[in-house]
């Protein structure tokens, strides 16, 4: 990816503002994928990053310079997105790559992750003996990117996509989960949440104290699995006797987070 492809967006364009809002509304899908990536032994994501605005005021003129840039190594506690700045600012001098930031969810401007389609990944001995072919990861999210792509002539759009080395697809159809068209049920629950049901039940039986353990932000396993949208895990935790009324340091129950992120399939389970 070109460094400059990370940076420029017009924050006054109504279509761009709409893209910001769509990114915030669907960020839960980014975090759901990232939360499973954090558990994988073999990584599946080729890229995972979040865009936010950064600013600096000129002490002489009082003018504010704003740049939208990307952070990676993302964490999320249900309210705040955190990570490290990926790219070199063009004009800002008060921040630099590698700086750590915590950004309220309602202030992010985009998110993006990319996965290489399974059919493109070499399997078995073909990894060793097949001739190398260009593998192009499929992009998910990237609402501000698609807005800019929509404004480009076709040749410029191709050049843009080649620079990113990602398959962005149709800017009129922006997927937010893997295999969305083929498996629309993935919008409801991540397939790994279902596939790992047996392993998760065993984990809870082997480590029952995990049910009551809370991290430094007061988030329990029930909070975290709710924030990640994992219905199967939430049911298992509740069946194991978890207290659904426990509040985080922010004073929120798992139900509060489910409503906040609009996980419609989890809200009724926590309301019972």
C-alpha atoms as a PDB file:
ATOM      1  CA  UNK A   1       0.000   0.000   0.000  1.00  0.00           C
ATOM      2  CA  UNK A   2       1.190   3.490  -0.744  1.00  0.00           C
ATOM      3  CA  UNK A   3       1.755   5.641   2.317  1.00  0.00           C
ATOM      4  CA  UNK A   4      -0.380   8.476   0.963  1.00  0.00           C
ATOM      5  CA  UNK A   5      -3.308   6.157   0.360  1.00  0.00           C
ATOM      6  CA  UNK A   6      -3.813   6.201   4.103  1.00  0.00           C
ATOM      7  CA  UNK A   7      -4.335   9.895   4.553  1.00  0.00           C
ATOM      8  CA  UNK A   8      -6.671  12.126   2.629  1.00  0.00           C
ATOM      9  CA  UNK A   9     -10.436  12.417   3.078  1.00  0.00           C
ATOM     10  CA  UNK A  10     -12.766  15.393   2.852  1.00  0.00           C
ATOM     11  CA  UNK A  11     -14.617  15.744   6.134  1.00  0.00           C
ATOM     12  CA  UNK A  12     -17.075  18.335   4.774  1.00  0.00           C
ATOM     13  CA  UNK A  13     -18.534  16.226   1.946  1.00  0.00           C
ATOM     14  CA  UNK A  14     -22.006  14.902   2.932  1.00  0.00           C
ATOM     15  CA  UNK A  15     -21.206  11.573   1.266  1.00  0.00           C
ATOM     16  CA  UNK A  16     -17.999  11.354   3.286  1.00  0.00           C
ATOM     17  CA  UNK A  17     -19.849  12.159   6.518  1.00  0.00           C
ATOM     18  CA  UNK A  18     -22.296   9.398   5.604  1.00  0.00           C
ATOM     19  CA  UNK A  19     -19.313   7.052   5.189  1.00  0.00           C
ATOM     20  CA  UNK A  20     -18.050   7.996   8.673  1.00  0.00           C
ATOM     21  CA  UNK A  21     -21.452   7.202  10.168  1.00  0.00           C
ATOM     22  CA  UNK A  22     -21.680   3.874   8.369  1.00  0.00           C
ATOM     23  CA  UNK A  23     -18.222   2.916   9.627  1.00  0.00           C
ATOM     24  CA  UNK A  24     -19.204   3.668  13.239  1.00  0.00           C
ATOM     25  CA  UNK A  25     -22.480   1.805  12.886  1.00  0.00           C
ATOM     26  CA  UNK A  26     -20.780  -1.341  11.538  1.00  0.00           C
ATOM     27  CA  UNK A  27     -17.553  -1.240  13.563  1.00  0.00           C
ATOM     28  CA  UNK A  28     -18.905  -4.088  15.693  1.00  0.00           C
ATOM     29  CA  UNK A  29     -18.266  -6.434  12.762  1.00  0.00           C
ATOM     30  CA  UNK A  30     -14.659  -5.290  12.554  1.00  0.00           C
ATOM     31  CA  UNK A  31     -14.202  -5.958  16.245  1.00  0.00           C
ATOM     32  CA  UNK A  32     -15.943  -9.329  16.028  1.00  0.00           C
ATOM     33  CA  UNK A  33     -13.449 -10.404  13.373  1.00  0.00           C
ATOM     34  CA  UNK A  34     -10.487  -8.914  15.220  1.00  0.00           C
ATOM     35  CA  UNK A  35     -11.502 -10.602  18.485  1.00  0.00           C
ATOM     36  CA  UNK A  36     -11.410 -13.992  16.758  1.00  0.00           C
ATOM     37  CA  UNK A  37      -8.133 -13.116  15.075  1.00  0.00           C
ATOM     38  CA  UNK A  38      -6.661 -12.542  18.531  1.00  0.00           C
ATOM     39  CA  UNK A  39      -7.442 -16.194  19.369  1.00  0.00           C
ATOM     40  CA  UNK A  40      -6.127 -17.763  16.173  1.00  0.00           C
ATOM     41  CA  UNK A  41      -2.811 -19.603  16.166  1.00  0.00           C
ATOM     42  CA  UNK A  42      -2.473 -19.022  12.421  1.00  0.00           C
ATOM     43  CA  UNK A  43      -3.497 -15.456  11.447  1.00  0.00           C
ATOM     44  CA  UNK A  44      -6.319 -15.095   8.918  1.00  0.00           C
ATOM     45  CA  UNK A  45      -6.325 -11.322   8.462  1.00  0.00           C
ATOM     46  CA  UNK A  46      -3.941  -9.737   5.994  1.00  0.00           C
ATOM     47  CA  UNK A  47      -4.765  -6.270   7.296  1.00  0.00           C
ATOM     48  CA  UNK A  48      -6.844  -4.770  10.103  1.00  0.00           C
ATOM     49  CA  UNK A  49      -6.884  -1.044  10.856  1.00  0.00           C
ATOM     50  CA  UNK A  50      -9.118   1.834  11.921  1.00  0.00           C
ATOM     51  CA  UNK A  51      -9.123   5.406  10.631  1.00  0.00           C
ATOM     52  CA  UNK A  52      -9.535   8.476  12.823  1.00  0.00           C
ATOM     53  CA  UNK A  53      -8.919  12.210  12.568  1.00  0.00           C
ATOM     54  CA  UNK A  54      -5.870  13.836  14.162  1.00  0.00           C
ATOM     55  CA  UNK A  55      -5.391  17.568  14.488  1.00  0.00           C
ATOM     56  CA  UNK A  56      -2.926  20.285  15.414  1.00  0.00           C
ATOM     57  CA  UNK A  57      -3.554  23.969  16.044  1.00  0.00           C
ATOM     58  CA  UNK A  58      -1.184  26.568  14.657  1.00  0.00           C
ATOM     59  CA  UNK A  59      -0.221  28.728  17.705  1.00  0.00           C
ATOM     60  CA  UNK A  60       0.196  31.830  15.510  1.00  0.00           C
ATOM     61  CA  UNK A  61      -2.890  31.691  13.304  1.00  0.00           C
ATOM     62  CA  UNK A  62      -5.139  29.518  15.464  1.00  0.00           C
ATOM     63  CA  UNK A  63      -5.977  27.442  12.379  1.00  0.00           C
ATOM     64  CA  UNK A  64      -6.540  23.737  12.886  1.00  0.00           C
ATOM     65  CA  UNK A  65      -4.882  21.221  10.569  1.00  0.00           C
ATOM     66  CA  UNK A  66      -6.671  17.863  10.364  1.00  0.00           C
ATOM     67  CA  UNK A  67      -5.486  14.591   8.854  1.00  0.00           C
ATOM     68  CA  UNK A  68      -7.370  11.311   8.773  1.00  0.00           C
ATOM     69  CA  UNK A  69      -4.965   8.443   9.341  1.00  0.00           C
ATOM     70  CA  UNK A  70      -4.969   4.776  10.284  1.00  0.00           C
ATOM     71  CA  UNK A  71      -4.118   2.942  13.487  1.00  0.00           C
ATOM     72  CA  UNK A  72      -3.516  -0.789  13.877  1.00  0.00           C
ATOM     73  CA  UNK A  73      -3.066  -3.398  16.646  1.00  0.00           C
ATOM     74  CA  UNK A  74      -6.623  -2.535  17.551  1.00  0.00           C
ATOM     75  CA  UNK A  75      -8.257  -3.135  20.913  1.00  0.00           C
ATOM     76  CA  UNK A  76     -11.817  -2.268  21.913  1.00  0.00           C
ATOM     77  CA  UNK A  77     -13.553  -2.184  25.298  1.00  0.00           C
ATOM     78  CA  UNK A  78     -17.076  -1.470  24.088  1.00  0.00           C
ATOM     79  CA  UNK A  79     -16.612   2.303  24.236  1.00  0.00           C
ATOM     80  CA  UNK A  80     -13.076   3.156  23.124  1.00  0.00           C
ATOM     81  CA  UNK A  81     -10.996   2.037  20.159  1.00  0.00           C
ATOM     82  CA  UNK A  82      -7.251   1.964  20.771  1.00  0.00           C
ATOM     83  CA  UNK A  83      -4.195   1.320  18.633  1.00  0.00           C
ATOM     84  CA  UNK A  84      -0.935   2.627  17.206  1.00  0.00           C
ATOM     85  CA  UNK A  85      -0.531   5.178  14.413  1.00  0.00           C
ATOM     86  CA  UNK A  86       0.541   3.425  11.208  1.00  0.00           C
ATOM     87  CA  UNK A  87       1.631   6.180   8.849  1.00  0.00           C
ATOM     88  CA  UNK A  88       3.739   9.317   8.724  1.00  0.00           C
ATOM     89  CA  UNK A  89       1.655  12.519   8.943  1.00  0.00           C
ATOM     90  CA  UNK A  90       1.913  14.893   6.004  1.00  0.00           C
ATOM     91  CA  UNK A  91       1.568  18.129   7.953  1.00  0.00           C
ATOM     92  CA  UNK A  92       1.118  17.339  11.633  1.00  0.00           C
ATOM     93  CA  UNK A  93       4.210  17.522  13.789  1.00  0.00           C
ATOM     94  CA  UNK A  94       2.672  16.671  17.162  1.00  0.00           C
ATOM     95  CA  UNK A  95       2.347  12.930  16.453  1.00  0.00           C
ATOM     96  CA  UNK A  96       4.433  10.256  14.774  1.00  0.00           C
ATOM     97  CA  UNK A  97       4.115   6.616  13.646  1.00  0.00           C
ATOM     98  CA  UNK A  98       3.954   4.211  16.568  1.00  0.00           C
ATOM     99  CA  UNK A  99       2.193   6.651  18.908  1.00  0.00           C
ATOM    100  CA  UNK A 100      -0.603   5.047  20.940  1.00  0.00           C
ATOM    101  CA  UNK A 101      -4.114   6.509  20.852  1.00  0.00           C
ATOM    102  CA  UNK A 102      -7.453   5.857  22.528  1.00  0.00           C
ATOM    103  CA  UNK A 103     -10.396   7.094  20.477  1.00  0.00           C
ATOM    104  CA  UNK A 104     -14.112   7.039  21.386  1.00  0.00           C
ATOM    105  CA  UNK A 105     -16.045   4.819  18.994  1.00  0.00           C
ATOM    106  CA  UNK A 106     -18.223   7.736  17.914  1.00  0.00           C
ATOM    107  CA  UNK A 107     -15.116   9.577  16.680  1.00  0.00           C
ATOM    108  CA  UNK A 108     -13.598   6.986  14.332  1.00  0.00           C
ATOM    109  CA  UNK A 109     -14.004   7.672  10.627  1.00  0.00           C
ATOM    110  CA  UNK A 110     -13.488   4.231   9.051  1.00  0.00           C
ATOM    111  CA  UNK A 111     -12.355   0.648   9.509  1.00  0.00           C
ATOM    112  CA  UNK A 112     -10.894  -1.923   7.173  1.00  0.00           C
ATOM    113  CA  UNK A 113      -9.846  -5.537   7.288  1.00  0.00           C
ATOM    114  CA  UNK A 114      -8.720  -7.845   4.494  1.00  0.00           C
ATOM    115  CA  UNK A 115      -8.800 -11.623   4.102  1.00  0.00           C
ATOM    116  CA  UNK A 116      -7.295 -13.730   1.332  1.00  0.00           C
ATOM    117  CA  UNK A 117     -10.108 -15.874  -0.126  1.00  0.00           C
ATOM    118  CA  UNK A 118      -9.712 -19.546   0.759  1.00  0.00           C
ATOM    119  CA  UNK A 119      -9.654 -20.573  -2.908  1.00  0.00           C
ATOM    120  CA  UNK A 120      -6.585 -18.372  -3.490  1.00  0.00           C
ATOM    121  CA  UNK A 121      -4.557 -19.850  -0.651  1.00  0.00           C
ATOM    122  CA  UNK A 122      -2.174 -22.650  -1.687  1.00  0.00           C
ATOM    123  CA  UNK A 123      -2.905 -25.912   0.094  1.00  0.00           C
ATOM    124  CA  UNK A 124      -0.793 -28.896   1.113  1.00  0.00           C
ATOM    125  CA  UNK A 125       2.279 -29.594  -0.999  1.00  0.00           C
ATOM    126  CA  UNK A 126       1.238 -26.910  -3.472  1.00  0.00           C
ATOM    127  CA  UNK A 127       2.647 -24.412  -0.984  1.00  0.00           C
ATOM    128  CA  UNK A 128       6.085 -25.862  -1.704  1.00  0.00           C
ATOM    129  CA  UNK A 129       5.947 -26.786  -5.366  1.00  0.00           C
ATOM    130  CA  UNK A 130       3.484 -24.442  -7.069  1.00  0.00           C
ATOM    131  CA  UNK A 131       4.732 -21.399  -8.927  1.00  0.00           C
ATOM    132  CA  UNK A 132       4.099 -18.165  -7.012  1.00  0.00           C
ATOM    133  CA  UNK A 133       0.959 -16.336  -8.079  1.00  0.00           C
ATOM    134  CA  UNK A 134      -0.305 -12.968  -7.005  1.00  0.00           C
ATOM    135  CA  UNK A 135      -2.733 -13.352  -4.118  1.00  0.00           C
ATOM    136  CA  UNK A 136      -5.119 -10.441  -3.680  1.00  0.00           C
ATOM    137  CA  UNK A 137      -6.851 -10.150  -0.286  1.00  0.00           C
ATOM    138  CA  UNK A 138     -10.516  -9.163  -0.252  1.00  0.00           C
ATOM    139  CA  UNK A 139     -11.268  -5.890   1.536  1.00  0.00           C
ATOM    140  CA  UNK A 140     -14.133  -5.450   4.001  1.00  0.00           C
ATOM    141  CA  UNK A 141     -15.384  -2.097   5.249  1.00  0.00           C
ATOM    142  CA  UNK A 142     -13.378   0.868   4.017  1.00  0.00           C
ATOM    143  CA  UNK A 143     -16.392   3.152   3.588  1.00  0.00           C
ATOM    144  CA  UNK A 144     -14.375   6.334   3.066  1.00  0.00           C
ATOM    145  CA  UNK A 145     -12.176   4.508   0.576  1.00  0.00           C
ATOM    146  CA  UNK A 146     -15.206   3.368  -1.400  1.00  0.00           C
ATOM    147  CA  UNK A 147     -16.572   6.906  -1.376  1.00  0.00           C
ATOM    148  CA  UNK A 148     -13.343   8.131  -2.950  1.00  0.00           C
ATOM    149  CA  UNK A 149     -13.278   5.191  -5.388  1.00  0.00           C
ATOM    150  CA  UNK A 150     -16.798   6.060  -6.499  1.00  0.00           C
ATOM    151  CA  UNK A 151     -15.584   9.517  -7.508  1.00  0.00           C
ATOM    152  CA  UNK A 152     -12.708   8.155  -9.613  1.00  0.00           C
ATOM    153  CA  UNK A 153     -12.718   7.298 -13.322  1.00  0.00           C
ATOM    154  CA  UNK A 154     -12.236   3.579 -13.931  1.00  0.00           C
ATOM    155  CA  UNK A 155      -8.549   3.749 -14.844  1.00  0.00           C
ATOM    156  CA  UNK A 156      -7.729   5.805 -11.739  1.00  0.00           C
ATOM    157  CA  UNK A 157      -9.751   3.416  -9.590  1.00  0.00           C
ATOM    158  CA  UNK A 158      -7.744   0.471 -10.903  1.00  0.00           C
ATOM    159  CA  UNK A 159      -4.509   2.309 -10.217  1.00  0.00           C
ATOM    160  CA  UNK A 160      -5.723   3.076  -6.692  1.00  0.00           C
ATOM    161  CA  UNK A 161      -6.635  -0.563  -6.024  1.00  0.00           C
ATOM    162  CA  UNK A 162      -3.334  -1.794  -7.435  1.00  0.00           C
ATOM    163  CA  UNK A 163      -1.504   0.571  -5.076  1.00  0.00           C
ATOM    164  CA  UNK A 164      -3.356  -0.852  -2.095  1.00  0.00           C
ATOM    165  CA  UNK A 165      -2.925  -4.415  -3.440  1.00  0.00           C
ATOM    166  CA  UNK A 166      -6.439  -5.226  -2.270  1.00  0.00           C
ATOM    167  CA  UNK A 167      -9.621  -6.355  -3.981  1.00  0.00           C
ATOM    168  CA  UNK A 168     -12.129  -3.667  -3.017  1.00  0.00           C
ATOM    169  CA  UNK A 169     -14.851  -4.942  -5.327  1.00  0.00           C
ATOM    170  CA  UNK A 170     -17.959  -2.907  -6.154  1.00  0.00           C
ATOM    171  CA  UNK A 171     -18.152   0.414  -4.293  1.00  0.00           C
ATOM    172  CA  UNK A 172     -21.947   0.038  -4.311  1.00  0.00           C
ATOM    173  CA  UNK A 173     -21.740  -3.215  -2.346  1.00  0.00           C
ATOM    174  CA  UNK A 174     -19.488  -2.936   0.692  1.00  0.00           C
ATOM    175  CA  UNK A 175     -19.254  -6.214   2.643  1.00  0.00           C
ATOM    176  CA  UNK A 176     -18.698  -6.114   6.392  1.00  0.00           C
ATOM    177  CA  UNK A 177     -18.243  -9.841   7.091  1.00  0.00           C
ATOM    178  CA  UNK A 178     -16.429 -12.662   5.320  1.00  0.00           C
ATOM    179  CA  UNK A 179     -18.492 -14.649   2.768  1.00  0.00           C
ATOM    180  CA  UNK A 180     -21.369 -12.220   3.254  1.00  0.00           C
ATOM    181  CA  UNK A 181     -23.112 -12.948  -0.031  1.00  0.00           C
ATOM    182  CA  UNK A 182     -22.622 -16.710   0.078  1.00  0.00           C
ATOM    183  CA  UNK A 183     -23.445 -17.034   3.788  1.00  0.00           C
ATOM    184  CA  UNK A 184     -25.663 -14.136   4.940  1.00  0.00           C
ATOM    185  CA  UNK A 185     -26.050 -15.901   8.307  1.00  0.00           C
ATOM    186  CA  UNK A 186     -22.506 -14.694   9.043  1.00  0.00           C
ATOM    187  CA  UNK A 187     -24.045 -11.276   9.637  1.00  0.00           C
ATOM    188  CA  UNK A 188     -25.816 -12.731  12.675  1.00  0.00           C
ATOM    189  CA  UNK A 189     -23.021 -14.753  14.212  1.00  0.00           C
ATOM    190  CA  UNK A 190     -19.400 -15.455  13.365  1.00  0.00           C
ATOM    191  CA  UNK A 191     -18.973 -19.074  12.189  1.00  0.00           C
ATOM    192  CA  UNK A 192     -16.130 -19.600  14.655  1.00  0.00           C
ATOM    193  CA  UNK A 193     -18.491 -18.807  17.520  1.00  0.00           C
ATOM    194  CA  UNK A 194     -20.587 -21.820  16.521  1.00  0.00           C
ATOM    195  CA  UNK A 195     -17.666 -24.055  15.554  1.00  0.00           C
ATOM    196  CA  UNK A 196     -15.867 -23.490  18.858  1.00  0.00           C
ATOM    197  CA  UNK A 197     -18.904 -24.251  21.023  1.00  0.00           C
ATOM    198  CA  UNK A 198     -17.557 -27.581  22.306  1.00  0.00           C
ATOM    199  CA  UNK A 199     -14.115 -26.150  23.014  1.00  0.00           C
ATOM    200  CA  UNK A 200     -15.598 -23.186  24.831  1.00  0.00           C
ATOM    201  CA  UNK A 201     -17.793 -25.403  27.028  1.00  0.00           C
ATOM    202  CA  UNK A 202     -14.699 -27.422  27.943  1.00  0.00           C
ATOM    203  CA  UNK A 203     -12.757 -24.216  28.662  1.00  0.00           C
ATOM    204  CA  UNK A 204     -15.433 -23.002  31.073  1.00  0.00           C
ATOM    205  CA  UNK A 205     -15.529 -26.371  32.840  1.00  0.00           C
ATOM    206  CA  UNK A 206     -11.730 -26.458  33.160  1.00  0.00           C
ATOM    207  CA  UNK A 207     -11.427 -22.819  34.255  1.00  0.00           C
ATOM    208  CA  UNK A 208     -14.637 -21.888  36.106  1.00  0.00           C
ATOM    209  CA  UNK A 209     -12.969 -18.867  37.739  1.00  0.00           C
ATOM    210  CA  UNK A 210     -12.926 -17.187  34.329  1.00  0.00           C
ATOM    211  CA  UNK A 211     -16.650 -16.572  34.759  1.00  0.00           C
ATOM    212  CA  UNK A 212     -16.129 -14.136  37.630  1.00  0.00           C
ATOM    213  CA  UNK A 213     -12.731 -12.718  36.639  1.00  0.00           C
ATOM    214  CA  UNK A 214     -12.741  -9.060  35.554  1.00  0.00           C
ATOM    215  CA  UNK A 215      -9.913  -7.178  33.836  1.00  0.00           C
ATOM    216  CA  UNK A 216      -8.578  -3.747  34.765  1.00  0.00           C
ATOM    217  CA  UNK A 217     -11.609  -2.133  33.119  1.00  0.00           C
ATOM    218  CA  UNK A 218     -14.035  -4.314  35.017  1.00  0.00           C
ATOM    219  CA  UNK A 219     -14.919  -6.322  31.911  1.00  0.00           C
ATOM    220  CA  UNK A 220     -15.876  -9.940  32.552  1.00  0.00           C
ATOM    221  CA  UNK A 221     -15.971 -12.748  30.022  1.00  0.00           C
ATOM    222  CA  UNK A 222     -19.697 -12.104  29.605  1.00  0.00           C
ATOM    223  CA  UNK A 223     -19.008  -8.439  28.815  1.00  0.00           C
ATOM    224  CA  UNK A 224     -16.288  -9.321  26.299  1.00  0.00           C
ATOM    225  CA  UNK A 225     -18.210 -12.025  24.451  1.00  0.00           C
ATOM    226  CA  UNK A 226     -21.219  -9.724  24.288  1.00  0.00           C
ATOM    227  CA  UNK A 227     -19.136  -6.863  22.892  1.00  0.00           C
ATOM    228  CA  UNK A 228     -17.775  -9.275  20.273  1.00  0.00           C
ATOM    229  CA  UNK A 229     -21.271 -10.411  19.320  1.00  0.00           C
ATOM    230  CA  UNK A 230     -20.738 -14.099  20.122  1.00  0.00           C
ATOM    231  CA  UNK A 231     -24.201 -15.412  20.958  1.00  0.00           C
ATOM    232  CA  UNK A 232     -23.147 -19.038  21.437  1.00  0.00           C
ATOM    233  CA  UNK A 233     -20.456 -18.051  23.933  1.00  0.00           C
ATOM    234  CA  UNK A 234     -22.833 -15.720  25.781  1.00  0.00           C
ATOM    235  CA  UNK A 235     -25.336 -18.563  26.230  1.00  0.00           C
ATOM    236  CA  UNK A 236     -22.632 -20.899  27.529  1.00  0.00           C
ATOM    237  CA  UNK A 237     -21.407 -18.304  30.028  1.00  0.00           C
ATOM    238  CA  UNK A 238     -24.942 -17.649  31.292  1.00  0.00           C
ATOM    239  CA  UNK A 239     -25.639 -21.392  31.568  1.00  0.00           C
ATOM    240  CA  UNK A 240     -22.489 -21.658  33.688  1.00  0.00           C
ATOM    241  CA  UNK A 241     -24.014 -19.250  36.200  1.00  0.00           C
ATOM    242  CA  UNK A 242     -22.522 -15.883  35.234  1.00  0.00           C
ATOM    243  CA  UNK A 243     -24.090 -12.833  36.862  1.00  0.00           C
ATOM    244  CA  UNK A 244     -25.558 -10.776  34.037  1.00  0.00           C
ATOM    245  CA  UNK A 245     -25.948  -7.745  36.339  1.00  0.00           C
ATOM    246  CA  UNK A 246     -22.233  -7.208  36.980  1.00  0.00           C
ATOM    247  CA  UNK A 247     -21.127  -3.778  35.786  1.00  0.00           C
ATOM    248  CA  UNK A 248     -17.862  -2.695  34.200  1.00  0.00           C
ATOM    249  CA  UNK A 249     -15.809   0.256  35.421  1.00  0.00           C
ATOM    250  CA  UNK A 250     -17.956   2.325  33.050  1.00  0.00           C
ATOM    251  CA  UNK A 251     -21.033   1.197  35.011  1.00  0.00           C
ATOM    252  CA  UNK A 252     -22.373  -0.975  32.205  1.00  0.00           C
ATOM    253  CA  UNK A 253     -23.801  -4.488  32.180  1.00  0.00           C
ATOM    254  CA  UNK A 254     -23.416  -6.901  29.279  1.00  0.00           C
ATOM    255  CA  UNK A 255     -26.948  -5.929  28.224  1.00  0.00           C
ATOM    256  CA  UNK A 256     -25.926  -2.282  28.126  1.00  0.00           C
ATOM    257  CA  UNK A 257     -23.125  -3.145  25.698  1.00  0.00           C
ATOM    258  CA  UNK A 258     -25.404  -5.342  23.591  1.00  0.00           C
ATOM    259  CA  UNK A 259     -27.841  -2.450  23.217  1.00  0.00           C
ATOM    260  CA  UNK A 260     -25.081   0.084  22.671  1.00  0.00           C
ATOM    261  CA  UNK A 261     -23.618  -1.949  19.793  1.00  0.00           C
ATOM    262  CA  UNK A 262     -27.053  -3.080  18.592  1.00  0.00           C
ATOM    263  CA  UNK A 263     -26.336  -6.811  18.769  1.00  0.00           C
ATOM    264  CA  UNK A 264     -29.995  -7.662  18.171  1.00  0.00           C
ATOM    265  CA  UNK A 265     -29.496 -11.429  18.452  1.00  0.00           C
ATOM    266  CA  UNK A 266     -27.954 -11.120  21.953  1.00  0.00           C
ATOM    267  CA  UNK A 267     -30.228  -8.500  23.557  1.00  0.00           C
ATOM    268  CA  UNK A 268     -33.212 -10.881  24.110  1.00  0.00           C
ATOM    269  CA  UNK A 269     -30.963 -13.517  25.724  1.00  0.00           C
ATOM    270  CA  UNK A 270     -29.584 -11.016  28.231  1.00  0.00           C
ATOM    271  CA  UNK A 271     -33.032  -9.548  28.921  1.00  0.00           C
ATOM    272  CA  UNK A 272     -34.495 -12.871  30.079  1.00  0.00           C
END
